[in-house]
PDB file of N, CA and C in Angstrom:
ATOM      1  N   MET A   1       0.819  -1.151   0.005  1.00  0.00           N
ATOM      2  CA  MET A   1      -0.010   0.006  -0.038  1.00  0.00           C
ATOM      3  C   MET A   1       0.906   1.304  -0.007  1.00  0.00           C
ATOM      4  N   TYR A   2       0.718   2.086  -0.916  1.00  0.00           N
ATOM      5  CA  TYR A   2       1.397   3.375  -0.978  1.00  0.00           C
ATOM      6  C   TYR A   2       0.612   4.423  -0.274  1.00  0.00           C
ATOM      7  N   THR A   3       1.308   5.074   0.759  1.00  0.00           N
ATOM      8  CA  THR A   3       0.610   6.198   1.439  1.00  0.00           C
ATOM      9  C   THR A   3       1.357   7.438   1.428  1.00  0.00           C
ATOM     10  N   GLY A   4       2.297   7.560   0.430  1.00  0.00           N
ATOM     11  CA  GLY A   4       3.032   8.805   0.424  1.00  0.00           C
ATOM     12  C   GLY A   4       2.281  10.046  -0.290  1.00  0.00           C
ATOM     13  N   CYS A   5       1.137   9.850  -0.724  1.00  0.00           N
ATOM     14  CA  CYS A   5       0.389  10.858  -1.458  1.00  0.00           C
ATOM     15  C   CYS A   5      -0.687  11.444  -0.522  1.00  0.00           C
ATOM     16  N   LYS A   6      -0.840  12.762  -0.585  1.00  0.00           N
ATOM     17  CA  LYS A   6      -1.835  13.341   0.285  1.00  0.00           C
ATOM     18  C   LYS A   6      -2.688  14.239  -0.555  1.00  0.00           C
ATOM     19  N   ASP A   7      -4.012  14.269  -0.133  1.00  0.00           N
ATOM     20  CA  ASP A   7      -4.887  15.079  -0.921  1.00  0.00           C
ATOM     21  C   ASP A   7      -4.619  16.565  -0.409  1.00  0.00           C
ATOM     22  N   ASP A   8      -5.506  17.488  -0.927  1.00  0.00           N
ATOM     23  CA  ASP A   8      -5.350  18.942  -0.834  1.00  0.00           C
ATOM     24  C   ASP A   8      -5.584  19.377   0.589  1.00  0.00           C
ATOM     25  N   LYS A   9      -6.060  18.484   1.439  1.00  0.00           N
ATOM     26  CA  LYS A   9      -6.330  18.821   2.970  1.00  0.00           C
ATOM     27  C   LYS A   9      -5.330  18.211   3.831  1.00  0.00           C
ATOM     28  N   GLY A  10      -4.368  17.410   3.204  1.00  0.00           N
ATOM     29  CA  GLY A  10      -3.281  16.909   3.923  1.00  0.00           C
ATOM     30  C   GLY A  10      -3.548  15.476   4.413  1.00  0.00           C
ATOM     31  N   PHE A  11      -4.656  14.779   3.966  1.00  0.00           N
ATOM     32  CA  PHE A  11      -4.897  13.463   4.298  1.00  0.00           C
ATOM     33  C   PHE A  11      -4.243  12.482   3.435  1.00  0.00           C
ATOM     34  N   ASP A  12      -3.712  11.372   3.998  1.00  0.00           N
ATOM     35  CA  ASP A  12      -3.145  10.381   3.209  1.00  0.00           C
ATOM     36  C   ASP A  12      -4.207   9.807   2.119  1.00  0.00           C
ATOM     37  N   VAL A  13      -3.732   9.556   0.934  1.00  0.00           N
ATOM     38  CA  VAL A  13      -4.604   8.956  -0.099  1.00  0.00           C
ATOM     39  C   VAL A  13      -4.161   7.438  -0.237  1.00  0.00           C
ATOM     40  N   THR A  14      -5.006   6.539   0.084  1.00  0.00           N
ATOM     41  CA  THR A  14      -4.702   5.087   0.028  1.00  0.00           C
ATOM     42  C   THR A  14      -5.721   4.491  -0.914  1.00  0.00           C
ATOM     43  N   SER A  15      -5.410   3.225  -1.338  1.00  0.00           N
ATOM     44  CA  SER A  15      -6.380   2.376  -2.074  1.00  0.00           C
ATOM     45  C   SER A  15      -7.632   2.069  -1.183  1.00  0.00           C
ATOM     46  N   GLU A  16      -7.571   2.063   0.054  1.00  0.00           N
ATOM     47  CA  GLU A  16      -8.731   1.923   0.991  1.00  0.00           C
ATOM     48  C   GLU A  16      -9.637   3.083   0.990  1.00  0.00           C
ATOM     49  N   ASN A  17      -9.129   4.196   0.850  1.00  0.00           N
ATOM     50  CA  ASN A  17      -9.958   5.380   0.988  1.00  0.00           C
ATOM     51  C   ASN A  17     -10.180   6.209  -0.341  1.00  0.00           C
ATOM     52  N   LEU A  18      -9.617   5.676  -1.358  1.00  0.00           N
ATOM     53  CA  LEU A  18      -9.820   6.297  -2.697  1.00  0.00           C
ATOM     54  C   LEU A  18     -11.059   5.657  -3.347  1.00  0.00           C
ATOM     55  N   HIS A  19     -11.970   6.563  -3.821  1.00  0.00           N
ATOM     56  CA  HIS A  19     -13.240   6.033  -4.464  1.00  0.00           C
ATOM     57  C   HIS A  19     -13.276   6.877  -5.922  1.00  0.00           C
ATOM     58  N   LEU A  20     -13.298   6.105  -6.945  1.00  0.00           N
ATOM     59  CA  LEU A  20     -13.434   6.656  -8.284  1.00  0.00           C
ATOM     60  C   LEU A  20     -14.844   6.458  -8.750  1.00  0.00           C
ATOM     61  N   GLU A  21     -15.370   7.434  -9.483  1.00  0.00           N
ATOM     62  CA  GLU A  21     -16.520   7.360 -10.097  1.00  0.00           C
ATOM     63  C   GLU A  21     -16.456   7.709 -11.619  1.00  0.00           C
ATOM     64  N   LEU A  22     -16.946   6.818 -12.303  1.00  0.00           N
ATOM     65  CA  LEU A  22     -16.953   6.931 -13.893  1.00  0.00           C
ATOM     66  C   LEU A  22     -18.346   7.059 -14.380  1.00  0.00           C
ATOM     67  N   ASP A  23     -18.573   7.850 -15.420  1.00  0.00           N
ATOM     68  CA  ASP A  23     -19.816   7.743 -16.100  1.00  0.00           C
ATOM     69  C   ASP A  23     -19.676   6.669 -17.232  1.00  0.00           C
ATOM     70  N   LEU A  24     -20.717   6.425 -17.846  1.00  0.00           N
ATOM     71  CA  LEU A  24     -20.809   5.255 -18.840  1.00  0.00           C
ATOM     72  C   LEU A  24     -19.770   5.464 -19.969  1.00  0.00           C
ATOM     73  N   LYS A  25     -19.613   6.620 -20.474  1.00  0.00           N
ATOM     74  CA  LYS A  25     -18.706   6.816 -21.564  1.00  0.00           C
ATOM     75  C   LYS A  25     -17.283   6.581 -21.018  1.00  0.00           C
ATOM     76  N   GLN A  26     -16.850   7.035 -19.807  1.00  0.00           N
ATOM     77  CA  GLN A  26     -15.651   6.852 -19.211  1.00  0.00           C
ATOM     78  C   GLN A  26     -15.467   5.456 -19.034  1.00  0.00           C
ATOM     79  N   PHE A  27     -16.348   4.749 -18.516  1.00  0.00           N
ATOM     80  CA  PHE A  27     -16.222   3.250 -18.244  1.00  0.00           C
ATOM     81  C   PHE A  27     -15.835   2.572 -19.509  1.00  0.00           C
ATOM     82  N   PHE A  28     -16.675   2.782 -20.644  1.00  0.00           N
ATOM     83  CA  PHE A  28     -16.383   1.977 -21.880  1.00  0.00           C
ATOM     84  C   PHE A  28     -15.027   2.401 -22.443  1.00  0.00           C
ATOM     85  N   GLN A  29     -14.543   3.678 -22.313  1.00  0.00           N
ATOM     86  CA  GLN A  29     -13.404   4.035 -22.795  1.00  0.00           C
ATOM     87  C   GLN A  29     -12.183   3.426 -22.051  1.00  0.00           C
ATOM     88  N   TYR A  30     -12.335   3.464 -20.712  1.00  0.00           N
ATOM     89  CA  TYR A  30     -11.274   2.902 -19.880  1.00  0.00           C
ATOM     90  C   TYR A  30     -11.118   1.418 -20.030  1.00  0.00           C
ATOM     91  N   TYR A  31     -12.295   0.715 -19.866  1.00  0.00           N
ATOM     92  CA  TYR A  31     -12.249  -0.825 -19.941  1.00  0.00           C
ATOM     93  C   TYR A  31     -12.195  -1.325 -21.378  1.00  0.00           C
ATOM     94  N   LYS A  32     -12.252  -0.444 -22.366  1.00  0.00           N
ATOM     95  CA  LYS A  32     -12.249  -0.842 -23.738  1.00  0.00           C
ATOM     96  C   LYS A  32     -13.320  -1.990 -24.050  1.00  0.00           C
ATOM     97  N   VAL A  33     -14.389  -1.940 -23.525  1.00  0.00           N
ATOM     98  CA  VAL A  33     -15.455  -2.810 -23.772  1.00  0.00           C
ATOM     99  C   VAL A  33     -15.949  -2.677 -25.299  1.00  0.00           C
ATOM    100  N   ARG A  34     -15.697  -3.581 -26.011  1.00  0.00           N
ATOM    101  CA  ARG A  34     -15.935  -3.494 -27.403  1.00  0.00           C
ATOM    102  C   ARG A  34     -17.369  -4.026 -27.782  1.00  0.00           C
ATOM    103  N   ASN A  35     -18.013  -4.829 -26.989  1.00  0.00           N
ATOM    104  CA  ASN A  35     -19.170  -5.424 -27.274  1.00  0.00           C
ATOM    105  C   ASN A  35     -20.319  -4.957 -26.427  1.00  0.00           C
ATOM    106  N   ALA A  36     -20.594  -3.639 -26.549  1.00  0.00           N
ATOM    107  CA  ALA A  36     -21.659  -3.016 -25.887  1.00  0.00           C
ATOM    108  C   ALA A  36     -23.049  -3.665 -26.321  1.00  0.00           C
ATOM    109  N   GLU A  37     -22.978  -4.148 -27.481  1.00  0.00           N
ATOM    110  CA  GLU A  37     -24.246  -4.636 -28.119  1.00  0.00           C
ATOM    111  C   GLU A  37     -24.536  -5.948 -27.245  1.00  0.00           C
ATOM    112  N   TYR A  38     -23.508  -6.786 -26.870  1.00  0.00           N
ATOM    113  CA  TYR A  38     -23.815  -7.960 -26.028  1.00  0.00           C
ATOM    114  C   TYR A  38     -24.361  -7.497 -24.706  1.00  0.00           C
ATOM    115  N   LEU A  39     -23.792  -6.496 -24.084  1.00  0.00           N
ATOM    116  CA  LEU A  39     -24.415  -6.043 -22.797  1.00  0.00           C
ATOM    117  C   LEU A  39     -25.787  -5.632 -22.971  1.00  0.00           C
ATOM    118  N   ALA A  40     -26.121  -4.787 -24.048  1.00  0.00           N
ATOM    119  CA  ALA A  40     -27.474  -4.328 -24.267  1.00  0.00           C
ATOM    120  C   ALA A  40     -28.512  -5.530 -24.406  1.00  0.00           C
ATOM    121  N   LYS A  41     -28.039  -6.530 -25.114  1.00  0.00           N
ATOM    122  CA  LYS A  41     -28.991  -7.717 -25.221  1.00  0.00           C
ATOM    123  C   LYS A  41     -29.124  -8.485 -23.822  1.00  0.00           C
ATOM    124  N   ARG A  42     -28.053  -8.475 -23.061  1.00  0.00           N
ATOM    125  CA  ARG A  42     -28.138  -9.185 -21.816  1.00  0.00           C
ATOM    126  C   ARG A  42     -29.039  -8.533 -20.804  1.00  0.00           C
ATOM    127  N   ILE A  43     -29.186  -7.116 -20.961  1.00  0.00           N
ATOM    128  CA  ILE A  43     -30.011  -6.437 -20.029  1.00  0.00           C
ATOM    129  C   ILE A  43     -31.371  -5.980 -20.639  1.00  0.00           C
ATOM    130  N   GLY A  44     -31.534  -6.411 -21.822  1.00  0.00           N
ATOM    131  CA  GLY A  44     -32.793  -6.072 -22.592  1.00  0.00           C
ATOM    132  C   GLY A  44     -32.933  -4.672 -22.983  1.00  0.00           C
ATOM    133  N   MET A  45     -31.838  -4.154 -23.418  1.00  0.00           N
ATOM    134  CA  MET A  45     -31.864  -2.745 -23.844  1.00  0.00           C
ATOM    135  C   MET A  45     -31.560  -2.626 -25.434  1.00  0.00           C
ATOM    136  N   ASN A  46     -32.148  -1.656 -25.977  1.00  0.00           N
ATOM    137  CA  ASN A  46     -31.895  -1.391 -27.350  1.00  0.00           C
ATOM    138  C   ASN A  46     -30.393  -1.056 -27.486  1.00  0.00           C
ATOM    139  N   PRO A  47     -29.640  -1.885 -28.327  1.00  0.00           N
ATOM    140  CA  PRO A  47     -28.294  -1.462 -28.431  1.00  0.00           C
ATOM    141  C   PRO A  47     -27.939   0.001 -28.897  1.00  0.00           C
ATOM    142  N   ASN A  48     -28.794   0.384 -29.829  1.00  0.00           N
ATOM    143  CA  ASN A  48     -28.538   1.790 -30.344  1.00  0.00           C
ATOM    144  C   ASN A  48     -28.657   2.843 -29.214  1.00  0.00           C
ATOM    145  N   VAL A  49     -29.507   2.587 -28.202  1.00  0.00           N
ATOM    146  CA  VAL A  49     -29.698   3.534 -27.007  1.00  0.00           C
ATOM    147  C   VAL A  49     -28.518   3.366 -26.225  1.00  0.00           C
ATOM    148  N   LEU A  50     -27.917   2.203 -25.994  1.00  0.00           N
ATOM    149  CA  LEU A  50     -26.806   2.033 -25.179  1.00  0.00           C
ATOM    150  C   LEU A  50     -25.561   2.714 -25.872  1.00  0.00           C
ATOM    151  N   PHE A  51     -25.454   2.546 -27.181  1.00  0.00           N
ATOM    152  CA  PHE A  51     -24.296   3.230 -27.946  1.00  0.00           C
ATOM    153  C   PHE A  51     -24.431   4.673 -27.766  1.00  0.00           C
ATOM    154  N   GLN A  52     -25.555   5.291 -27.703  1.00  0.00           N
ATOM    155  CA  GLN A  52     -25.771   6.784 -27.528  1.00  0.00           C
ATOM    156  C   GLN A  52     -25.321   7.144 -26.128  1.00  0.00           C
ATOM    157  N   TYR A  53     -25.591   6.233 -25.076  1.00  0.00           N
ATOM    158  CA  TYR A  53     -25.097   6.629 -23.788  1.00  0.00           C
ATOM    159  C   TYR A  53     -23.617   6.561 -23.716  1.00  0.00           C
ATOM    160  N   VAL A  54     -23.115   5.375 -24.295  1.00  0.00           N
ATOM    161  CA  VAL A  54     -21.613   5.315 -24.383  1.00  0.00           C
ATOM    162  C   VAL A  54     -20.934   6.457 -24.930  1.00  0.00           C
ATOM    163  N   ARG A  55     -21.462   6.911 -26.107  1.00  0.00           N
ATOM    164  CA  ARG A  55     -20.827   8.090 -26.835  1.00  0.00           C
ATOM    165  C   ARG A  55     -21.061   9.437 -26.207  1.00  0.00           C
ATOM    166  N   GLY A  56     -21.856   9.453 -25.102  1.00  0.00           N
ATOM    167  CA  GLY A  56     -22.162  10.731 -24.452  1.00  0.00           C
ATOM    168  C   GLY A  56     -23.199  11.458 -25.189  1.00  0.00           C
ATOM    169  N   LYS A  57     -23.940  10.846 -26.167  1.00  0.00           N
ATOM    170  CA  LYS A  57     -24.827  11.690 -26.988  1.00  0.00           C
ATOM    171  C   LYS A  57     -26.212  11.808 -26.134  1.00  0.00           C
ATOM    172  N   LYS A  58     -26.529  11.017 -25.363  1.00  0.00           N
ATOM    173  CA  LYS A  58     -27.725  10.983 -24.378  1.00  0.00           C
ATOM    174  C   LYS A  58     -27.225  10.605 -22.913  1.00  0.00           C
ATOM    175  N   GLN A  59     -28.047  11.145 -21.976  1.00  0.00           N
ATOM    176  CA  GLN A  59     -27.736  10.770 -20.594  1.00  0.00           C
ATOM    177  C   GLN A  59     -28.851   9.716 -20.114  1.00  0.00           C
ATOM    178  N   PRO A  60     -28.485   8.675 -19.544  1.00  0.00           N
ATOM    179  CA  PRO A  60     -29.485   7.618 -19.174  1.00  0.00           C
ATOM    180  C   PRO A  60     -30.158   8.162 -17.881  1.00  0.00           C
ATOM    181  N   SER A  61     -31.290   7.738 -17.756  1.00  0.00           N
ATOM    182  CA  SER A  61     -32.013   7.954 -16.494  1.00  0.00           C
ATOM    183  C   SER A  61     -31.493   7.221 -15.266  1.00  0.00           C
ATOM    184  N   LYS A  62     -31.829   7.474 -14.177  1.00  0.00           N
ATOM    185  CA  LYS A  62     -31.270   6.754 -12.968  1.00  0.00           C
ATOM    186  C   LYS A  62     -31.737   5.201 -13.100  1.00  0.00           C
ATOM    187  N   LYS A  63     -32.915   4.985 -13.549  1.00  0.00           N
ATOM    188  CA  LYS A  63     -33.370   3.642 -13.778  1.00  0.00           C
ATOM    189  C   LYS A  63     -32.528   2.897 -14.752  1.00  0.00           C
ATOM    190  N   GLN A  64     -32.254   3.519 -15.997  1.00  0.00           N
ATOM    191  CA  GLN A  64     -31.436   2.963 -16.983  1.00  0.00           C
ATOM    192  C   GLN A  64     -30.000   2.657 -16.507  1.00  0.00           C
ATOM    193  N   THR A  65     -29.462   3.614 -15.857  1.00  0.00           N
ATOM    194  CA  THR A  65     -28.108   3.632 -15.255  1.00  0.00           C
ATOM    195  C   THR A  65     -27.970   2.431 -14.372  1.00  0.00           C
ATOM    196  N   ASP A  66     -28.957   2.250 -13.312  1.00  0.00           N
ATOM    197  CA  ASP A  66     -28.941   1.064 -12.475  1.00  0.00           C
ATOM    198  C   ASP A  66     -29.058  -0.193 -13.191  1.00  0.00           C
ATOM    199  N   LYS A  67     -29.823  -0.269 -14.398  1.00  0.00           N
ATOM    200  CA  LYS A  67     -30.010  -1.477 -15.117  1.00  0.00           C
ATOM    201  C   LYS A  67     -28.578  -1.898 -15.773  1.00  0.00           C
ATOM    202  N   ILE A  68     -27.997  -0.868 -16.365  1.00  0.00           N
ATOM    203  CA  ILE A  68     -26.531  -1.058 -16.956  1.00  0.00           C
ATOM    204  C   ILE A  68     -25.550  -1.469 -15.900  1.00  0.00           C
ATOM    205  N   ILE A  69     -25.548  -0.802 -14.756  1.00  0.00           N
ATOM    206  CA  ILE A  69     -24.668  -1.253 -13.792  1.00  0.00           C
ATOM    207  C   ILE A  69     -24.856  -2.623 -13.216  1.00  0.00           C
ATOM    208  N   GLN A  70     -26.118  -3.002 -12.999  1.00  0.00           N
ATOM    209  CA  GLN A  70     -26.436  -4.332 -12.656  1.00  0.00           C
ATOM    210  C   GLN A  70     -25.981  -5.410 -13.645  1.00  0.00           C
ATOM    211  N   GLY A  71     -26.135  -5.005 -14.981  1.00  0.00           N
ATOM    212  CA  GLY A  71     -25.728  -5.937 -15.927  1.00  0.00           C
ATOM    213  C   GLY A  71     -24.224  -6.133 -16.035  1.00  0.00           C
ATOM    214  N   ILE A  72     -23.509  -5.073 -15.930  1.00  0.00           N
ATOM    215  CA  ILE A  72     -22.023  -5.028 -15.871  1.00  0.00           C
ATOM    216  C   ILE A  72     -21.610  -5.920 -14.648  1.00  0.00           C
ATOM    217  N   GLN A  73     -22.167  -5.622 -13.487  1.00  0.00           N
ATOM    218  CA  GLN A  73     -21.827  -6.344 -12.324  1.00  0.00           C
ATOM    219  C   GLN A  73     -22.062  -7.876 -12.422  1.00  0.00           C
ATOM    220  N   THR A  74     -23.197  -8.184 -12.964  1.00  0.00           N
ATOM    221  CA  THR A  74     -23.574  -9.638 -13.219  1.00  0.00           C
ATOM    222  C   THR A  74     -22.550 -10.295 -14.170  1.00  0.00           C
ATOM    223  N   ILE A  75     -22.143  -9.711 -15.195  1.00  0.00           N
ATOM    224  CA  ILE A  75     -21.243 -10.245 -16.165  1.00  0.00           C
ATOM    225  C   ILE A  75     -19.766 -10.368 -15.401  1.00  0.00           C
ATOM    226  N   GLY A  76     -19.415  -9.253 -14.613  1.00  0.00           N
ATOM    227  CA  GLY A  76     -18.242  -9.343 -13.781  1.00  0.00           C
ATOM    228  C   GLY A  76     -18.217 -10.555 -12.912  1.00  0.00           C
ATOM    229  N   ARG A  77     -19.266 -10.762 -12.113  1.00  0.00           N
ATOM    230  CA  ARG A  77     -19.320 -11.884 -11.251  1.00  0.00           C
ATOM    231  C   ARG A  77     -19.140 -13.168 -12.032  1.00  0.00           C
ATOM    232  N   GLU A  78     -19.882 -13.246 -13.269  1.00  0.00           N
ATOM    233  CA  GLU A  78     -19.753 -14.582 -13.995  1.00  0.00           C
ATOM    234  C   GLU A  78     -18.329 -14.687 -14.560  1.00  0.00           C
ATOM    235  N   LEU A  79     -17.646 -13.683 -14.974  1.00  0.00           N
ATOM    236  CA  LEU A  79     -16.285 -13.733 -15.401  1.00  0.00           C
ATOM    237  C   LEU A  79     -15.162 -14.080 -14.174  1.00  0.00           C
ATOM    238  N   SER A  80     -15.471 -13.508 -13.084  1.00  0.00           N
ATOM    239  CA  SER A  80     -14.608 -13.814 -11.848  1.00  0.00           C
ATOM    240  C   SER A  80     -14.720 -15.299 -11.397  1.00  0.00           C
ATOM    241  N   SER A  81     -15.823 -15.845 -11.693  1.00  0.00           N
ATOM    242  CA  SER A  81     -16.025 -17.262 -11.274  1.00  0.00           C
ATOM    243  C   SER A  81     -15.536 -18.280 -12.155  1.00  0.00           C
ATOM    244  N   ILE A  82     -14.965 -17.864 -13.375  1.00  0.00           N
ATOM    245  CA  ILE A  82     -14.508 -18.742 -14.355  1.00  0.00           C
ATOM    246  C   ILE A  82     -13.088 -19.252 -13.882  1.00  0.00           C
ATOM    247  N   ASN A  83     -13.040 -20.701 -14.057  1.00  0.00           N
ATOM    248  CA  ASN A  83     -11.660 -21.236 -13.878  1.00  0.00           C
ATOM    249  C   ASN A  83     -11.230 -21.883 -15.242  1.00  0.00           C
ATOM    250  N   LEU A  84     -10.081 -21.372 -15.658  1.00  0.00           N
ATOM    251  CA  LEU A  84      -9.546 -21.844 -16.947  1.00  0.00           C
ATOM    252  C   LEU A  84      -8.433 -22.950 -16.649  1.00  0.00           C
ATOM    253  N   VAL A  85      -8.555 -24.065 -17.512  1.00  0.00           N
ATOM    254  CA  VAL A  85      -7.622 -25.157 -17.478  1.00  0.00           C
ATOM    255  C   VAL A  85      -6.693 -25.187 -18.629  1.00  0.00           C
TER     256      VAL A  85
END
């Protein structure tokens, strides 16, 4: 754990107290998720609508955001439970 970094108030910044928030566009840019169409189908969303959110052309409602986040988390849990041989 690196504790040599301090915030503007002099508090140590650590991985335990650092919290990052990304919007959908930032998420897809950072994680290079290429198959947003797959995610859209998994969560029952029109792929064109999800692409508009990803590109920042439209802002999703709270309900849509929650649906997308839940879908991403479900896929993440599935991926983390895979054992490759």
